[in-house]
Amino acid sequence: MGKDLTGKELGKGFTQRKDGRYQTRISLGGGKKPICLYGHTLKEIKKKRENY
């Protein structure tokens, strides 16, 4: 479980970077590298993850 800068739980696979942006990683499988998605809000990054 990832946490934000204040220690609040964000959910599995989500973290907050020191610069304030949120980050999540998506594994495509098949031995490919995971893809990192970034956003300024948690809502924005969750929407990007769903669309990907």
N, C-alpha and C. Protein backbone atom coordinates (compact mmCIF):
# COMPACT_ATOMS: atom_id res chain seq x y z
N MET A 1 0.84 -1.18 0.00
CA MET A 1 0.00 0.00 0.00
C MET A 1 0.88 1.24 0.00
N GLY A 2 0.58 2.12 -0.92
CA GLY A 2 1.34 3.36 -1.00
C GLY A 2 0.79 4.43 -0.09
N LYS A 3 1.62 5.38 0.22
CA LYS A 3 1.21 6.47 1.10
C LYS A 3 1.56 7.80 0.45
N ASP A 4 0.82 8.84 0.87
CA ASP A 4 1.16 10.18 0.39
C ASP A 4 2.18 10.82 1.34
N LEU A 5 2.51 12.06 1.11
CA LEU A 5 3.55 12.73 1.89
C LEU A 5 3.18 12.93 3.35
N THR A 6 1.88 12.90 3.67
CA THR A 6 1.45 13.07 5.06
C THR A 6 1.26 11.74 5.78
N GLY A 7 1.42 10.62 5.06
CA GLY A 7 1.29 9.30 5.66
C GLY A 7 -0.05 8.63 5.44
N LYS A 8 -0.95 9.27 4.69
CA LYS A 8 -2.28 8.73 4.41
C LYS A 8 -2.18 7.61 3.37
N GLU A 9 -2.92 6.51 3.58
CA GLU A 9 -2.94 5.38 2.65
C GLU A 9 -3.64 5.79 1.35
N LEU A 10 -3.04 5.45 0.21
CA LEU A 10 -3.60 5.80 -1.10
C LEU A 10 -4.23 4.61 -1.80
N GLY A 11 -3.85 3.41 -1.44
CA GLY A 11 -4.34 2.22 -2.11
C GLY A 11 -3.18 1.47 -2.75
N LYS A 12 -3.45 0.27 -3.15
CA LYS A 12 -2.41 -0.57 -3.71
C LYS A 12 -1.93 -0.03 -5.06
N GLY A 13 -0.63 0.12 -5.18
CA GLY A 13 -0.02 0.55 -6.44
C GLY A 13 0.11 2.04 -6.64
N PHE A 14 -0.35 2.85 -5.71
CA PHE A 14 -0.27 4.31 -5.84
C PHE A 14 0.70 4.86 -4.80
N THR A 15 1.54 5.82 -5.23
CA THR A 15 2.45 6.50 -4.32
C THR A 15 2.49 7.98 -4.68
N GLN A 16 2.99 8.78 -3.75
CA GLN A 16 3.17 10.20 -4.02
C GLN A 16 4.66 10.50 -3.96
N ARG A 17 5.14 11.19 -4.99
CA ARG A 17 6.55 11.54 -5.07
C ARG A 17 6.84 12.78 -4.24
N LYS A 18 8.11 13.05 -4.00
CA LYS A 18 8.49 14.20 -3.19
C LYS A 18 8.13 15.53 -3.84
N ASP A 19 8.01 15.54 -5.18
CA ASP A 19 7.62 16.78 -5.86
C ASP A 19 6.12 17.01 -5.84
N GLY A 20 5.35 16.10 -5.23
CA GLY A 20 3.91 16.27 -5.07
C GLY A 20 3.07 15.51 -6.08
N ARG A 21 3.68 15.00 -7.16
CA ARG A 21 2.91 14.25 -8.16
C ARG A 21 2.65 12.84 -7.67
N TYR A 22 1.58 12.25 -8.18
CA TYR A 22 1.24 10.87 -7.85
C TYR A 22 1.76 9.95 -8.95
N GLN A 23 2.05 8.70 -8.57
CA GLN A 23 2.64 7.75 -9.50
C GLN A 23 2.00 6.39 -9.31
N THR A 24 1.82 5.66 -10.42
CA THR A 24 1.40 4.27 -10.39
C THR A 24 2.14 3.53 -11.49
N ARG A 25 2.28 2.23 -11.34
CA ARG A 25 2.96 1.40 -12.33
C ARG A 25 1.98 0.37 -12.86
N ILE A 26 2.05 0.14 -14.17
CA ILE A 26 1.20 -0.86 -14.82
C ILE A 26 2.10 -1.89 -15.46
N SER A 27 1.86 -3.16 -15.15
CA SER A 27 2.61 -4.25 -15.75
C SER A 27 1.81 -4.81 -16.91
N LEU A 28 2.41 -4.85 -18.08
CA LEU A 28 1.72 -5.34 -19.27
C LEU A 28 1.87 -6.84 -19.45
N GLY A 29 2.79 -7.45 -18.73
CA GLY A 29 3.01 -8.88 -18.86
C GLY A 29 3.86 -9.21 -20.06
N GLY A 30 4.17 -10.47 -20.23
CA GLY A 30 4.96 -10.89 -21.38
C GLY A 30 6.42 -10.49 -21.29
N GLY A 31 6.93 -10.23 -20.09
CA GLY A 31 8.33 -9.86 -19.92
C GLY A 31 8.65 -8.43 -20.28
N LYS A 32 7.65 -7.60 -20.51
CA LYS A 32 7.89 -6.20 -20.85
C LYS A 32 8.08 -5.38 -19.58
N LYS A 33 8.74 -4.24 -19.73
CA LYS A 33 8.96 -3.34 -18.60
C LYS A 33 7.64 -2.74 -18.15
N PRO A 34 7.47 -2.52 -16.85
CA PRO A 34 6.26 -1.83 -16.40
C PRO A 34 6.25 -0.36 -16.83
N ILE A 35 5.07 0.19 -17.00
CA ILE A 35 4.90 1.57 -17.43
C ILE A 35 4.51 2.40 -16.21
N CYS A 36 5.16 3.54 -16.03
CA CYS A 36 4.84 4.46 -14.94
C CYS A 36 3.94 5.56 -15.46
N LEU A 37 2.87 5.82 -14.73
CA LEU A 37 1.96 6.91 -15.06
C LEU A 37 2.03 7.95 -13.94
N TYR A 38 2.02 9.22 -14.31
CA TYR A 38 2.12 10.31 -13.35
C TYR A 38 0.94 11.25 -13.50
N GLY A 39 0.57 11.92 -12.40
CA GLY A 39 -0.50 12.90 -12.44
C GLY A 39 -0.40 13.84 -11.25
N HIS A 40 -1.07 14.98 -11.35
CA HIS A 40 -1.03 15.96 -10.27
C HIS A 40 -2.05 15.67 -9.19
N THR A 41 -3.11 14.92 -9.52
CA THR A 41 -4.11 14.55 -8.52
C THR A 41 -4.32 13.04 -8.55
N LEU A 42 -4.79 12.50 -7.46
CA LEU A 42 -5.04 11.08 -7.37
C LEU A 42 -6.19 10.67 -8.29
N LYS A 43 -7.18 11.53 -8.42
CA LYS A 43 -8.32 11.26 -9.30
C LYS A 43 -7.86 11.17 -10.76
N GLU A 44 -6.96 12.06 -11.14
CA GLU A 44 -6.44 12.09 -12.51
C GLU A 44 -5.67 10.80 -12.83
N ILE A 45 -4.85 10.34 -11.93
CA ILE A 45 -4.04 9.16 -12.19
C ILE A 45 -4.88 7.88 -12.19
N LYS A 46 -5.93 7.84 -11.37
CA LYS A 46 -6.82 6.68 -11.39
C LYS A 46 -7.55 6.59 -12.72
N LYS A 47 -7.94 7.74 -13.28
CA LYS A 47 -8.63 7.77 -14.57
C LYS A 47 -7.67 7.32 -15.69
N LYS A 48 -6.42 7.78 -15.65
CA LYS A 48 -5.42 7.37 -16.63
C LYS A 48 -5.19 5.86 -16.58
N ARG A 49 -5.16 5.31 -15.36
CA ARG A 49 -4.92 3.87 -15.19
C ARG A 49 -6.08 3.06 -15.76
N GLU A 50 -7.31 3.50 -15.55
CA GLU A 50 -8.48 2.82 -16.10
C GLU A 50 -8.46 2.84 -17.63
N ASN A 51 -8.12 3.98 -18.21
CA ASN A 51 -8.11 4.14 -19.66
C ASN A 51 -6.99 3.38 -20.34
N TYR A 52 -5.90 3.14 -19.62
CA TYR A 52 -4.77 2.45 -20.21
C TYR A 52 -5.12 0.99 -20.35
